[in-house]
């Protein structure tokens, strides 16, 4: 009975350590992805601010001939990424947890059969 309990505790601790390691890896990967998205957003914001400044400066020009010679693309909407398509994975690995619990259940069943 004590041996069974000790085996069960070791199995639980092993599953817990494995699950924790997997969750930490997923957390780091998610953080890296988040940082990359933040950098992309900051770059896009910077570019939009620069473009706004350029357009604001052009709107102050009183030389209408000069305005007509400016590239019309400057006044067209900028190409931006469709951020609505970005999905953040908030799942903390339910499948990994299920596998660990299943493995734990199998270990427990095996130990109970042996005793």
PDB file of N, CA and C in Angstrom:
ATOM      1  N   UNK A   1       0.823  -1.197   0.000  1.00  0.00           N
ATOM      2  CA  UNK A   1       0.000   0.000   0.000  1.00  0.00           C
ATOM      3  C   UNK A   1       0.872   1.268   0.000  1.00  0.00           C
ATOM      4  N   UNK A   2       1.912   1.284   0.833  1.00  0.00           N
ATOM      5  CA  UNK A   2       2.818   2.426   0.885  1.00  0.00           C
ATOM      6  C   UNK A   2       3.606   2.512  -0.419  1.00  0.00           C
ATOM      7  N   UNK A   3       4.015   1.340  -0.924  1.00  0.00           N
ATOM      8  CA  UNK A   3       4.761   1.310  -2.188  1.00  0.00           C
ATOM      9  C   UNK A   3       3.884   1.802  -3.338  1.00  0.00           C
ATOM     10  N   UNK A   4       2.632   1.395  -3.328  1.00  0.00           N
ATOM     11  CA  UNK A   4       1.685   1.838  -4.356  1.00  0.00           C
ATOM     12  C   UNK A   4       1.525   3.354  -4.305  1.00  0.00           C
ATOM     13  N   UNK A   5       1.371   3.869  -3.097  1.00  0.00           N
ATOM     14  CA  UNK A   5       1.212   5.311  -2.935  1.00  0.00           C
ATOM     15  C   UNK A   5       2.473   6.049  -3.390  1.00  0.00           C
ATOM     16  N   UNK A   6       3.645   5.516  -3.054  1.00  0.00           N
ATOM     17  CA  UNK A   6       4.910   6.136  -3.467  1.00  0.00           C
ATOM     18  C   UNK A   6       5.048   6.140  -4.981  1.00  0.00           C
ATOM     19  N   UNK A   7       4.711   5.015  -5.618  1.00  0.00           N
ATOM     20  CA  UNK A   7       4.753   4.938  -7.080  1.00  0.00           C
ATOM     21  C   UNK A   7       3.785   5.939  -7.705  1.00  0.00           C
ATOM     22  N   UNK A   8       2.619   6.018  -7.117  1.00  0.00           N
ATOM     23  CA  UNK A   8       1.609   6.952  -7.618  1.00  0.00           C
ATOM     24  C   UNK A   8       2.101   8.391  -7.491  1.00  0.00           C
ATOM     25  N   UNK A   9       2.709   8.731  -6.370  1.00  0.00           N
ATOM     26  CA  UNK A   9       3.224  10.087  -6.163  1.00  0.00           C
ATOM     27  C   UNK A   9       4.333  10.406  -7.164  1.00  0.00           C
ATOM     28  N   UNK A  10       5.235   9.444  -7.405  1.00  0.00           N
ATOM     29  CA  UNK A  10       6.297   9.667  -8.389  1.00  0.00           C
ATOM     30  C   UNK A  10       5.707   9.886  -9.777  1.00  0.00           C
ATOM     31  N   UNK A  11       4.697   9.101 -10.094  1.00  0.00           N
ATOM     32  CA  UNK A  11       4.055   9.238 -11.404  1.00  0.00           C
ATOM     33  C   UNK A  11       3.376  10.602 -11.537  1.00  0.00           C
ATOM     34  N   UNK A  12       2.706  11.024 -10.482  1.00  0.00           N
ATOM     35  CA  UNK A  12       2.039  12.335 -10.491  1.00  0.00           C
ATOM     36  C   UNK A  12       3.076  13.446 -10.640  1.00  0.00           C
ATOM     37  N   UNK A  13       4.164  13.352  -9.895  1.00  0.00           N
ATOM     38  CA  UNK A  13       5.212  14.373  -9.970  1.00  0.00           C
ATOM     39  C   UNK A  13       5.852  14.411 -11.354  1.00  0.00           C
ATOM     40  N   UNK A  14       6.038  13.240 -11.949  1.00  0.00           N
ATOM     41  CA  UNK A  14       6.614  13.177 -13.292  1.00  0.00           C
ATOM     42  C   UNK A  14       5.679  13.827 -14.312  1.00  0.00           C
ATOM     43  N   UNK A  15       4.398  13.485 -14.226  1.00  0.00           N
ATOM     44  CA  UNK A  15       3.414  14.083 -15.144  1.00  0.00           C
ATOM     45  C   UNK A  15       3.326  15.590 -14.940  1.00  0.00           C
ATOM     46  N   UNK A  16       3.372  16.001 -13.683  1.00  0.00           N
ATOM     47  CA  UNK A  16       3.301  17.429 -13.373  1.00  0.00           C
ATOM     48  C   UNK A  16       4.503  18.165 -13.962  1.00  0.00           C
ATOM     49  N   UNK A  17       5.689  17.590 -13.810  1.00  0.00           N
ATOM     50  CA  UNK A  17       6.898  18.229 -14.340  1.00  0.00           C
ATOM     51  C   UNK A  17       6.842  18.310 -15.862  1.00  0.00           C
ATOM     52  N   UNK A  18       6.389  17.227 -16.495  1.00  0.00           N
ATOM     53  CA  UNK A  18       6.278  17.208 -17.957  1.00  0.00           C
ATOM     54  C   UNK A  18       5.273  18.246 -18.443  1.00  0.00           C
ATOM     55  N   UNK A  19       4.145  18.305 -17.767  1.00  0.00           N
ATOM     56  CA  UNK A  19       3.107  19.265 -18.139  1.00  0.00           C
ATOM     57  C   UNK A  19       3.591  20.698 -17.932  1.00  0.00           C
ATOM     58  N   UNK A  20       4.266  20.950 -16.832  1.00  0.00           N
ATOM     59  CA  UNK A  20       4.785  22.287 -16.548  1.00  0.00           C
ATOM     60  C   UNK A  20       5.802  22.711 -17.603  1.00  0.00           C
ATOM     61  N   UNK A  21       6.692  21.788 -17.981  1.00  0.00           N
ATOM     62  CA  UNK A  21       7.687  22.090 -19.005  1.00  0.00           C
ATOM     63  C   UNK A  21       7.016  22.420 -20.340  1.00  0.00           C
ATOM     64  N   UNK A  22       6.011  21.634 -20.706  1.00  0.00           N
ATOM     65  CA  UNK A  22       5.294  21.870 -21.958  1.00  0.00           C
ATOM     66  C   UNK A  22       4.593  23.232 -21.929  1.00  0.00           C
ATOM     67  N   UNK A  23       3.978  23.548 -20.796  1.00  0.00           N
ATOM     68  CA  UNK A  23       3.270  24.826 -20.680  1.00  0.00           C
ATOM     69  C   UNK A  23       4.245  26.001 -20.753  1.00  0.00           C
ATOM     70  N   UNK A  24       5.420  25.848 -20.145  1.00  0.00           N
ATOM     71  CA  UNK A  24       6.421  26.917 -20.194  1.00  0.00           C
ATOM     72  C   UNK A  24       6.916  27.136 -21.620  1.00  0.00           C
ATOM     73  N   UNK A  25       7.119  26.053 -22.365  1.00  0.00           N
ATOM     74  CA  UNK A  25       7.542  26.176 -23.761  1.00  0.00           C
ATOM     75  C   UNK A  25       6.477  26.888 -24.583  1.00  0.00           C
ATOM     76  N   UNK A  26       5.225  26.501 -24.380  1.00  0.00           N
ATOM     77  CA  UNK A  26       4.136  27.142 -25.126  1.00  0.00           C
ATOM     78  C   UNK A  26       4.012  28.611 -24.740  1.00  0.00           C
ATOM     79  N   UNK A  27       4.213  28.906 -23.461  1.00  0.00           N
ATOM     80  CA  UNK A  27       4.144  30.290 -22.989  1.00  0.00           C
ATOM     81  C   UNK A  27       5.227  31.134 -23.655  1.00  0.00           C
ATOM     82  N   UNK A  28       6.460  30.598 -23.708  1.00  0.00           N
ATOM     83  CA  UNK A  28       7.560  31.336 -24.328  1.00  0.00           C
ATOM     84  C   UNK A  28       7.307  31.550 -25.818  1.00  0.00           C
ATOM     85  N   UNK A  29       6.775  30.530 -26.484  1.00  0.00           N
ATOM     86  CA  UNK A  29       6.473  30.663 -27.914  1.00  0.00           C
ATOM     87  C   UNK A  29       5.394  31.719 -28.130  1.00  0.00           C
ATOM     88  N   UNK A  30       4.380  31.722 -27.272  1.00  0.00           N
ATOM     89  CA  UNK A  30       3.306  32.711 -27.391  1.00  0.00           C
ATOM     90  C   UNK A  30       3.837  34.120 -27.124  1.00  0.00           C
ATOM     91  N   UNK A  31       4.711  34.255 -26.138  1.00  0.00           N
ATOM     92  CA  UNK A  31       5.293  35.568 -25.837  1.00  0.00           C
ATOM     93  C   UNK A  31       6.133  36.072 -27.003  1.00  0.00           C
ATOM     94  N   UNK A  32       6.890  35.172 -27.628  1.00  0.00           N
ATOM     95  CA  UNK A  32       7.704  35.564 -28.780  1.00  0.00           C
ATOM     96  C   UNK A  32       6.810  36.032 -29.924  1.00  0.00           C
ATOM     97  N   UNK A  33       5.735  35.288 -30.179  1.00  0.00           N
ATOM     98  CA  UNK A  33       4.803  35.675 -31.237  1.00  0.00           C
ATOM     99  C   UNK A  33       4.170  37.032 -30.914  1.00  0.00           C
ATOM    100  N   UNK A  34       3.808  37.231 -29.661  1.00  0.00           N
ATOM    101  CA  UNK A  34       3.222  38.508 -29.249  1.00  0.00           C
ATOM    102  C   UNK A  34       4.197  39.662 -29.477  1.00  0.00           C
ATOM    103  N   UNK A  35       5.462  39.453 -29.120  1.00  0.00           N
ATOM    104  CA  UNK A  35       6.474  40.496 -29.311  1.00  0.00           C
ATOM    105  C   UNK A  35       6.641  40.839 -30.790  1.00  0.00           C
ATOM    106  N   UNK A  36       6.622  39.816 -31.641  1.00  0.00           N
ATOM    107  CA  UNK A  36       6.745  40.055 -33.081  1.00  0.00           C
ATOM    108  C   UNK A  36       5.547  40.847 -33.608  1.00  0.00           C
ATOM    109  N   UNK A  37       4.351  40.507 -33.142  1.00  0.00           N
ATOM    110  CA  UNK A  37       3.155  41.238 -33.570  1.00  0.00           C
ATOM    111  C   UNK A  37       3.195  42.682 -33.080  1.00  0.00           C
ATOM    112  N   UNK A  38       3.660  42.881 -31.863  1.00  0.00           N
ATOM    113  CA  UNK A  38       3.766  44.239 -31.323  1.00  0.00           C
ATOM    114  C   UNK A  38       4.748  45.056 -32.151  1.00  0.00           C
ATOM    115  N   UNK A  39       5.879  44.457 -32.517  1.00  0.00           N
ATOM    116  CA  UNK A  39       6.860  45.165 -33.354  1.00  0.00           C
ATOM    117  C   UNK A  39       6.247  45.533 -34.703  1.00  0.00           C
ATOM    118  N   UNK A  40       5.516  44.598 -35.297  1.00  0.00           N
ATOM    119  CA  UNK A  40       4.869  44.877 -36.584  1.00  0.00           C
ATOM    120  C   UNK A  40       3.875  46.025 -36.457  1.00  0.00           C
ATOM    121  N   UNK A  41       3.084  45.983 -35.401  1.00  0.00           N
ATOM    122  CA  UNK A  41       2.105  47.053 -35.180  1.00  0.00           C
ATOM    123  C   UNK A  41       2.796  48.397 -34.965  1.00  0.00           C
ATOM    124  N   UNK A  42       3.863  48.406 -34.181  1.00  0.00           N
ATOM    125  CA  UNK A  42       4.583  49.651 -33.935  1.00  0.00           C
ATOM    126  C   UNK A  42       5.181  50.199 -35.227  1.00  0.00           C
ATOM    127  N   UNK A  43       5.705  49.318 -36.072  1.00  0.00           N
ATOM    128  CA  UNK A  43       6.259  49.742 -37.357  1.00  0.00           C
ATOM    129  C   UNK A  43       5.159  50.348 -38.230  1.00  0.00           C
ATOM    130  N   UNK A  44       4.017  49.680 -38.262  1.00  0.00           N
ATOM    131  CA  UNK A  44       2.909  50.182 -39.077  1.00  0.00           C
ATOM    132  C   UNK A  44       2.421  51.533 -38.553  1.00  0.00           C
ATOM    133  N   UNK A  45       2.346  51.682 -37.250  1.00  0.00           N
ATOM    134  CA  UNK A  45       1.927  52.953 -36.653  1.00  0.00           C
ATOM    135  C   UNK A  45       2.916  54.053 -37.004  1.00  0.00           C
ATOM    136  N   UNK A  46       4.205  53.758 -36.918  1.00  0.00           N
ATOM    137  CA  UNK A  46       5.241  54.736 -37.262  1.00  0.00           C
ATOM    138  C   UNK A  46       5.104  55.179 -38.713  1.00  0.00           C
ATOM    139  N   UNK A  47       4.915  54.214 -39.612  1.00  0.00           N
ATOM    140  CA  UNK A  47       4.766  54.541 -41.032  1.00  0.00           C
ATOM    141  C   UNK A  47       3.513  55.384 -41.278  1.00  0.00           C
ATOM    142  N   UNK A  48       2.423  55.053 -40.605  1.00  0.00           N
ATOM    143  CA  UNK A  48       1.190  55.832 -40.768  1.00  0.00           C
ATOM    144  C   UNK A  48       1.358  57.259 -40.236  1.00  0.00           C
ATOM    145  N   UNK A  49       2.065  57.407 -39.128  1.00  0.00           N
ATOM    146  CA  UNK A  49       2.304  58.749 -38.584  1.00  0.00           C
ATOM    147  C   UNK A  49       3.154  59.581 -39.539  1.00  0.00           C
ATOM    148  N   UNK A  50       4.187  58.939 -40.123  1.00  0.00           N
ATOM    149  CA  UNK A  50       5.039  59.654 -41.079  1.00  0.00           C
ATOM    150  C   UNK A  50       4.214  60.075 -42.299  1.00  0.00           C
ATOM    151  N   UNK A  51       3.385  59.200 -42.769  1.00  0.00           N
ATOM    152  CA  UNK A  51       2.555  59.506 -43.935  1.00  0.00           C
ATOM    153  C   UNK A  51       1.581  60.640 -43.615  1.00  0.00           C
ATOM    154  N   UNK A  52       1.007  60.617 -42.428  1.00  0.00           N
ATOM    155  CA  UNK A  52       0.086  61.683 -42.020  1.00  0.00           C
ATOM    156  C   UNK A  52       0.813  63.024 -41.998  1.00  0.00           C
ATOM    157  N   UNK A  53       2.030  63.034 -41.465  1.00  0.00           N
ATOM    158  CA  UNK A  53       2.822  64.265 -41.426  1.00  0.00           C
ATOM    159  C   UNK A  53       3.080  64.783 -42.835  1.00  0.00           C
ATOM    160  N   UNK A  54       3.436  63.874 -43.755  1.00  0.00           N
ATOM    161  CA  UNK A  54       3.677  64.273 -45.150  1.00  0.00           C
ATOM    162  C   UNK A  54       2.423  64.883 -45.769  1.00  0.00           C
ATOM    163  N   UNK A  55       1.300  64.234 -45.561  1.00  0.00           N
ATOM    164  CA  UNK A  55       0.042  64.734 -46.136  1.00  0.00           C
ATOM    165  C   UNK A  55      -0.324  66.078 -45.506  1.00  0.00           C
ATOM    166  N   UNK A  56      -0.168  66.197 -44.186  1.00  0.00           N
ATOM    167  CA  UNK A  56      -0.456  67.471 -43.515  1.00  0.00           C
ATOM    168  C   UNK A  56       0.412  68.595 -44.074  1.00  0.00           C
ATOM    169  N   UNK A  57       1.690  68.307 -44.302  1.00  0.00           N
ATOM    170  CA  UNK A  57       2.593  69.314 -44.870  1.00  0.00           C
ATOM    171  C   UNK A  57       2.164  69.699 -46.282  1.00  0.00           C
ATOM    172  N   UNK A  58       1.755  68.725 -47.066  1.00  0.00           N
ATOM    173  CA  UNK A  58       1.326  69.008 -48.439  1.00  0.00           C
ATOM    174  C   UNK A  58       0.045  69.840 -48.473  1.00  0.00           C
ATOM    175  N   UNK A  59      -0.814  69.605 -47.519  1.00  0.00           N
ATOM    176  CA  UNK A  59      -2.070  70.353 -47.491  1.00  0.00           C
ATOM    177  C   UNK A  59      -1.848  71.833 -47.169  1.00  0.00           C
ATOM    178  N   UNK A  60      -0.691  72.162 -46.603  1.00  0.00           N
ATOM    179  CA  UNK A  60      -0.375  73.561 -46.295  1.00  0.00           C
ATOM    180  C   UNK A  60       0.214  74.299 -47.496  1.00  0.00           C
ATOM    181  N   UNK A  61       0.586  73.573 -48.532  1.00  0.00           N
ATOM    182  CA  UNK A  61       1.200  74.192 -49.715  1.00  0.00           C
ATOM    183  C   UNK A  61       0.145  75.006 -50.466  1.00  0.00           C
ATOM    184  N   UNK A  62       0.501  76.226 -50.763  1.00  0.00           N
ATOM    185  CA  UNK A  62      -0.435  77.090 -51.480  1.00  0.00           C
ATOM    186  C   UNK A  62      -0.198  77.068 -52.980  1.00  0.00           C
ATOM    187  N   UNK A  63       0.895  76.464 -53.410  1.00  0.00           N
ATOM    188  CA  UNK A  63       1.207  76.364 -54.833  1.00  0.00           C
ATOM    189  C   UNK A  63       0.415  75.189 -55.415  1.00  0.00           C
ATOM    190  N   UNK A  64      -0.712  75.495 -56.035  1.00  0.00           N
ATOM    191  CA  UNK A  64      -1.609  74.458 -56.544  1.00  0.00           C
ATOM    192  C   UNK A  64      -0.974  73.651 -57.673  1.00  0.00           C
ATOM    193  N   UNK A  65      -0.108  74.277 -58.453  1.00  0.00           N
ATOM    194  CA  UNK A  65       0.584  73.558 -59.522  1.00  0.00           C
ATOM    195  C   UNK A  65       1.493  72.479 -58.919  1.00  0.00           C
ATOM    196  N   UNK A  66       2.168  72.830 -57.861  1.00  0.00           N
ATOM    197  CA  UNK A  66       3.030  71.857 -57.179  1.00  0.00           C
ATOM    198  C   UNK A  66       2.200  70.692 -56.630  1.00  0.00           C
ATOM    199  N   UNK A  67       1.038  70.997 -56.085  1.00  0.00           N
ATOM    200  CA  UNK A  67       0.158  69.942 -55.568  1.00  0.00           C
ATOM    201  C   UNK A  67      -0.258  68.971 -56.668  1.00  0.00           C
ATOM    202  N   UNK A  68      -0.508  69.490 -57.865  1.00  0.00           N
ATOM    203  CA  UNK A  68      -0.915  68.630 -58.979  1.00  0.00           C
ATOM    204  C   UNK A  68       0.218  67.720 -59.442  1.00  0.00           C
ATOM    205  N   UNK A  69       1.451  68.118 -59.201  1.00  0.00           N
ATOM    206  CA  UNK A  69       2.601  67.328 -59.642  1.00  0.00           C
ATOM    207  C   UNK A  69       2.987  66.233 -58.642  1.00  0.00           C
ATOM    208  N   UNK A  70       2.384  66.253 -57.491  1.00  0.00           N
ATOM    209  CA  UNK A  70       2.713  65.263 -56.457  1.00  0.00           C
ATOM    210  C   UNK A  70       2.095  63.915 -56.822  1.00  0.00           C
ATOM    211  N   UNK A  71       2.822  62.865 -56.528  1.00  0.00           N
ATOM    212  CA  UNK A  71       2.365  61.503 -56.807  1.00  0.00           C
ATOM    213  C   UNK A  71       1.014  61.260 -56.123  1.00  0.00           C
ATOM    214  N   UNK A  72      -0.016  60.918 -56.887  1.00  0.00           N
ATOM    215  CA  UNK A  72      -1.345  60.699 -56.298  1.00  0.00           C
ATOM    216  C   UNK A  72      -1.380  59.511 -55.335  1.00  0.00           C
ATOM    217  N   UNK A  73      -0.404  58.622 -55.423  1.00  0.00           N
ATOM    218  CA  UNK A  73      -0.379  57.468 -54.517  1.00  0.00           C
ATOM    219  C   UNK A  73      -0.244  57.905 -53.060  1.00  0.00           C
ATOM    220  N   UNK A  74       0.337  59.092 -52.863  1.00  0.00           N
ATOM    221  CA  UNK A  74       0.491  59.596 -51.505  1.00  0.00           C
ATOM    222  C   UNK A  74      -0.867  59.830 -50.840  1.00  0.00           C
ATOM    223  N   UNK A  75      -1.867  60.143 -51.659  1.00  0.00           N
ATOM    224  CA  UNK A  75      -3.190  60.429 -51.113  1.00  0.00           C
ATOM    225  C   UNK A  75      -4.097  59.204 -51.090  1.00  0.00           C
ATOM    226  N   UNK A  76      -3.630  58.094 -51.629  1.00  0.00           N
ATOM    227  CA  UNK A  76      -4.445  56.875 -51.603  1.00  0.00           C
ATOM    228  C   UNK A  76      -4.253  56.179 -50.258  1.00  0.00           C
ATOM    229  N   UNK A  77      -5.211  55.361 -49.866  1.00  0.00           N
ATOM    230  CA  UNK A  77      -5.079  54.675 -48.571  1.00  0.00           C
ATOM    231  C   UNK A  77      -3.829  53.792 -48.550  1.00  0.00           C
ATOM    232  N   UNK A  78      -3.126  53.785 -47.456  1.00  0.00           N
ATOM    233  CA  UNK A  78      -1.897  52.980 -47.371  1.00  0.00           C
ATOM    234  C   UNK A  78      -2.216  51.491 -47.297  1.00  0.00           C
ATOM    235  N   UNK A  79      -1.249  50.689 -47.720  1.00  0.00           N
ATOM    236  CA  UNK A  79      -1.405  49.241 -47.606  1.00  0.00           C
ATOM    237  C   UNK A  79      -1.069  48.847 -46.174  1.00  0.00           C
ATOM    238  N   UNK A  80      -2.037  48.298 -45.483  1.00  0.00           N
ATOM    239  CA  UNK A  80      -1.806  47.851 -44.115  1.00  0.00           C
ATOM    240  C   UNK A  80      -2.232  46.397 -43.986  1.00  0.00           C
ATOM    241  N   UNK A  81      -1.676  45.741 -43.010  1.00  0.00           N
ATOM    242  CA  UNK A  81      -1.996  44.344 -42.756  1.00  0.00           C
ATOM    243  C   UNK A  81      -3.404  44.247 -42.183  1.00  0.00           C
ATOM    244  N   UNK A  82      -4.098  43.185 -42.533  1.00  0.00           N
ATOM    245  CA  UNK A  82      -5.430  42.959 -41.983  1.00  0.00           C
ATOM    246  C   UNK A  82      -5.278  42.309 -40.608  1.00  0.00           C
ATOM    247  N   UNK A  83      -5.307  43.117 -39.578  1.00  0.00           N
ATOM    248  CA  UNK A  83      -5.076  42.616 -38.226  1.00  0.00           C
ATOM    249  C   UNK A  83      -6.252  41.815 -37.695  1.00  0.00           C
ATOM    250  N   UNK A  84      -7.398  41.907 -38.344  1.00  0.00           N
ATOM    251  CA  UNK A  84      -8.551  41.136 -37.885  1.00  0.00           C
ATOM    252  C   UNK A  84      -8.352  39.642 -38.120  1.00  0.00           C
ATOM    253  N   UNK A  85      -7.395  39.284 -38.983  1.00  0.00           N
ATOM    254  CA  UNK A  85      -7.139  37.869 -39.270  1.00  0.00           C
ATOM    255  C   UNK A  85      -6.206  37.229 -38.248  1.00  0.00           C
ATOM    256  N   UNK A  86      -5.618  38.018 -37.378  1.00  0.00           N
ATOM    257  CA  UNK A  86      -4.677  37.495 -36.390  1.00  0.00           C
ATOM    258  C   UNK A  86      -5.461  36.818 -35.271  1.00  0.00           C
ATOM    259  N   UNK A  87      -5.060  35.603 -34.963  1.00  0.00           N
ATOM    260  CA  UNK A  87      -5.706  34.849 -33.893  1.00  0.00           C
ATOM    261  C   UNK A  87      -4.671  34.563 -32.813  1.00  0.00           C
ATOM    262  N   UNK A  88      -5.047  34.813 -31.600  1.00  0.00           N
ATOM    263  CA  UNK A  88      -4.160  34.533 -30.481  1.00  0.00           C
ATOM    264  C   UNK A  88      -4.589  33.207 -29.863  1.00  0.00           C
ATOM    265  N   UNK A  89      -3.625  32.311 -29.675  1.00  0.00           N
ATOM    266  CA  UNK A  89      -3.920  31.018 -29.080  1.00  0.00           C
ATOM    267  C   UNK A  89      -3.907  31.165 -27.567  1.00  0.00           C
ATOM    268  N   UNK A  90      -5.082  31.111 -26.965  1.00  0.00           N
ATOM    269  CA  UNK A  90      -5.181  31.259 -25.519  1.00  0.00           C
ATOM    270  C   UNK A  90      -5.352  29.917 -24.824  1.00  0.00           C
ATOM    271  N   UNK A  91      -5.399  28.835 -25.597  1.00  0.00           N
ATOM    272  CA  UNK A  91      -5.545  27.494 -25.049  1.00  0.00           C
ATOM    273  C   UNK A  91      -4.249  27.090 -24.361  1.00  0.00           C
ATOM    274  N   UNK A  92      -4.333  26.706 -23.096  1.00  0.00           N
ATOM    275  CA  UNK A  92      -3.134  26.294 -22.370  1.00  0.00           C
ATOM    276  C   UNK A  92      -2.925  24.788 -22.511  1.00  0.00           C
ATOM    277  N   UNK A  93      -3.057  24.314 -23.718  1.00  0.00           N
ATOM    278  CA  UNK A  93      -2.777  22.925 -24.057  1.00  0.00           C
ATOM    279  C   UNK A  93      -3.673  21.945 -23.316  1.00  0.00           C
ATOM    280  N   UNK A  94      -4.932  22.005 -23.614  1.00  0.00           N
ATOM    281  CA  UNK A  94      -5.895  21.078 -23.039  1.00  0.00           C
ATOM    282  C   UNK A  94      -5.553  19.656 -23.458  1.00  0.00           C
ATOM    283  N   UNK A  95      -5.117  19.491 -24.698  1.00  0.00           N
ATOM    284  CA  UNK A  95      -4.751  18.151 -25.172  1.00  0.00           C
ATOM    285  C   UNK A  95      -3.592  17.578 -24.362  1.00  0.00           C
ATOM    286  N   UNK A  96      -2.608  18.393 -24.056  1.00  0.00           N
ATOM    287  CA  UNK A  96      -1.473  17.927 -23.255  1.00  0.00           C
ATOM    288  C   UNK A  96      -1.940  17.513 -21.867  1.00  0.00           C
ATOM    289  N   UNK A  97      -2.817  18.294 -21.292  1.00  0.00           N
ATOM    290  CA  UNK A  97      -3.358  17.965 -19.977  1.00  0.00           C
ATOM    291  C   UNK A  97      -4.137  16.657 -20.031  1.00  0.00           C
ATOM    292  N   UNK A  98      -4.949  16.479 -21.072  1.00  0.00           N
ATOM    293  CA  UNK A  98      -5.713  15.233 -21.214  1.00  0.00           C
ATOM    294  C   UNK A  98      -4.781  14.034 -21.328  1.00  0.00           C
ATOM    295  N   UNK A  99      -3.722  14.177 -22.136  1.00  0.00           N
ATOM    296  CA  UNK A  99      -2.766  13.071 -22.291  1.00  0.00           C
ATOM    297  C   UNK A  99      -2.106  12.734 -20.959  1.00  0.00           C
ATOM    298  N   UNK A 100      -1.715  13.759 -20.216  1.00  0.00           N
ATOM    299  CA  UNK A 100      -1.055  13.520 -18.930  1.00  0.00           C
ATOM    300  C   UNK A 100      -1.993  12.831 -17.951  1.00  0.00           C
ATOM    301  N   UNK A 101      -3.232  13.270 -17.923  1.00  0.00           N
ATOM    302  CA  UNK A 101      -4.199  12.642 -17.018  1.00  0.00           C
ATOM    303  C   UNK A 101      -4.501  11.209 -17.436  1.00  0.00           C
ATOM    304  N   UNK A 102      -4.569  10.970 -18.734  1.00  0.00           N
ATOM    305  CA  UNK A 102      -4.796   9.609 -19.230  1.00  0.00           C
ATOM    306  C   UNK A 102      -3.626   8.715 -18.850  1.00  0.00           C
ATOM    307  N   UNK A 103      -2.413   9.231 -19.027  1.00  0.00           N
ATOM    308  CA  UNK A 103      -1.221   8.467 -18.658  1.00  0.00           C
ATOM    309  C   UNK A 103      -1.220   8.175 -17.161  1.00  0.00           C
ATOM    310  N   UNK A 104      -1.594   9.155 -16.375  1.00  0.00           N
ATOM    311  CA  UNK A 104      -1.657   8.974 -14.932  1.00  0.00           C
ATOM    312  C   UNK A 104      -2.695   7.918 -14.566  1.00  0.00           C
ATOM    313  N   UNK A 105      -3.845   7.965 -15.209  1.00  0.00           N
ATOM    314  CA  UNK A 105      -4.905   6.983 -14.955  1.00  0.00           C
ATOM    315  C   UNK A 105      -4.426   5.575 -15.308  1.00  0.00           C
ATOM    316  N   UNK A 106      -3.728   5.454 -16.436  1.00  0.00           N
ATOM    317  CA  UNK A 106      -3.205   4.146 -16.847  1.00  0.00           C
ATOM    318  C   UNK A 106      -2.180   3.627 -15.845  1.00  0.00           C
ATOM    319  N   UNK A 107      -1.323   4.505 -15.355  1.00  0.00           N
ATOM    320  CA  UNK A 107      -0.328   4.104 -14.357  1.00  0.00           C
ATOM    321  C   UNK A 107      -1.007   3.652 -13.073  1.00  0.00           C
ATOM    322  N   UNK A 108      -1.997   4.397 -12.656  1.00  0.00           N
ATOM    323  CA  UNK A 108      -2.739   4.042 -11.445  1.00  0.00           C
ATOM    324  C   UNK A 108      -3.435   2.694 -11.615  1.00  0.00           C
ATOM    325  N   UNK A 109      -4.095   2.505 -12.742  1.00  0.00           N
ATOM    326  CA  UNK A 109      -4.778   1.231 -13.009  1.00  0.00           C
ATOM    327  C   UNK A 109      -3.791   0.069 -12.987  1.00  0.00           C
ATOM    328  N   UNK A 110      -2.630   0.275 -13.596  1.00  0.00           N
ATOM    329  CA  UNK A 110      -1.611  -0.781 -13.642  1.00  0.00           C
ATOM    330  C   UNK A 110      -1.118  -1.119 -12.236  1.00  0.00           C
ATOM    331  N   UNK A 111      -0.867  -0.100 -11.428  1.00  0.00           N
ATOM    332  CA  UNK A 111      -0.388  -0.332 -10.061  1.00  0.00           C
ATOM    333  C   UNK A 111      -1.444  -1.042  -9.222  1.00  0.00           C
ATOM    334  N   UNK A 112      -2.697  -0.682  -9.433  1.00  0.00           N
ATOM    335  CA  UNK A 112      -3.770  -1.334  -8.676  1.00  0.00           C
ATOM    336  C   UNK A 112      -3.912  -2.799  -9.082  1.00  0.00           C
ATOM    337  N   UNK A 113      -3.710  -3.112 -10.356  1.00  0.00           N
ATOM    338  CA  UNK A 113      -3.789  -4.501 -10.821  1.00  0.00           C
ATOM    339  C   UNK A 113      -2.641  -5.324 -10.238  1.00  0.00           C
ATOM    340  N   UNK A 114      -1.485  -4.693 -10.082  1.00  0.00           N
ATOM    341  CA  UNK A 114      -0.310  -5.405  -9.572  1.00  0.00           C
ATOM    342  C   UNK A 114      -0.417  -5.703  -8.076  1.00  0.00           C
ATOM    343  N   UNK A 115      -1.178  -4.910  -7.368  1.00  0.00           N
ATOM    344  CA  UNK A 115      -1.236  -5.114  -5.915  1.00  0.00           C
ATOM    345  C   UNK A 115      -2.366  -6.015  -5.488  1.00  0.00           C
TER     346      UNK A 115
END
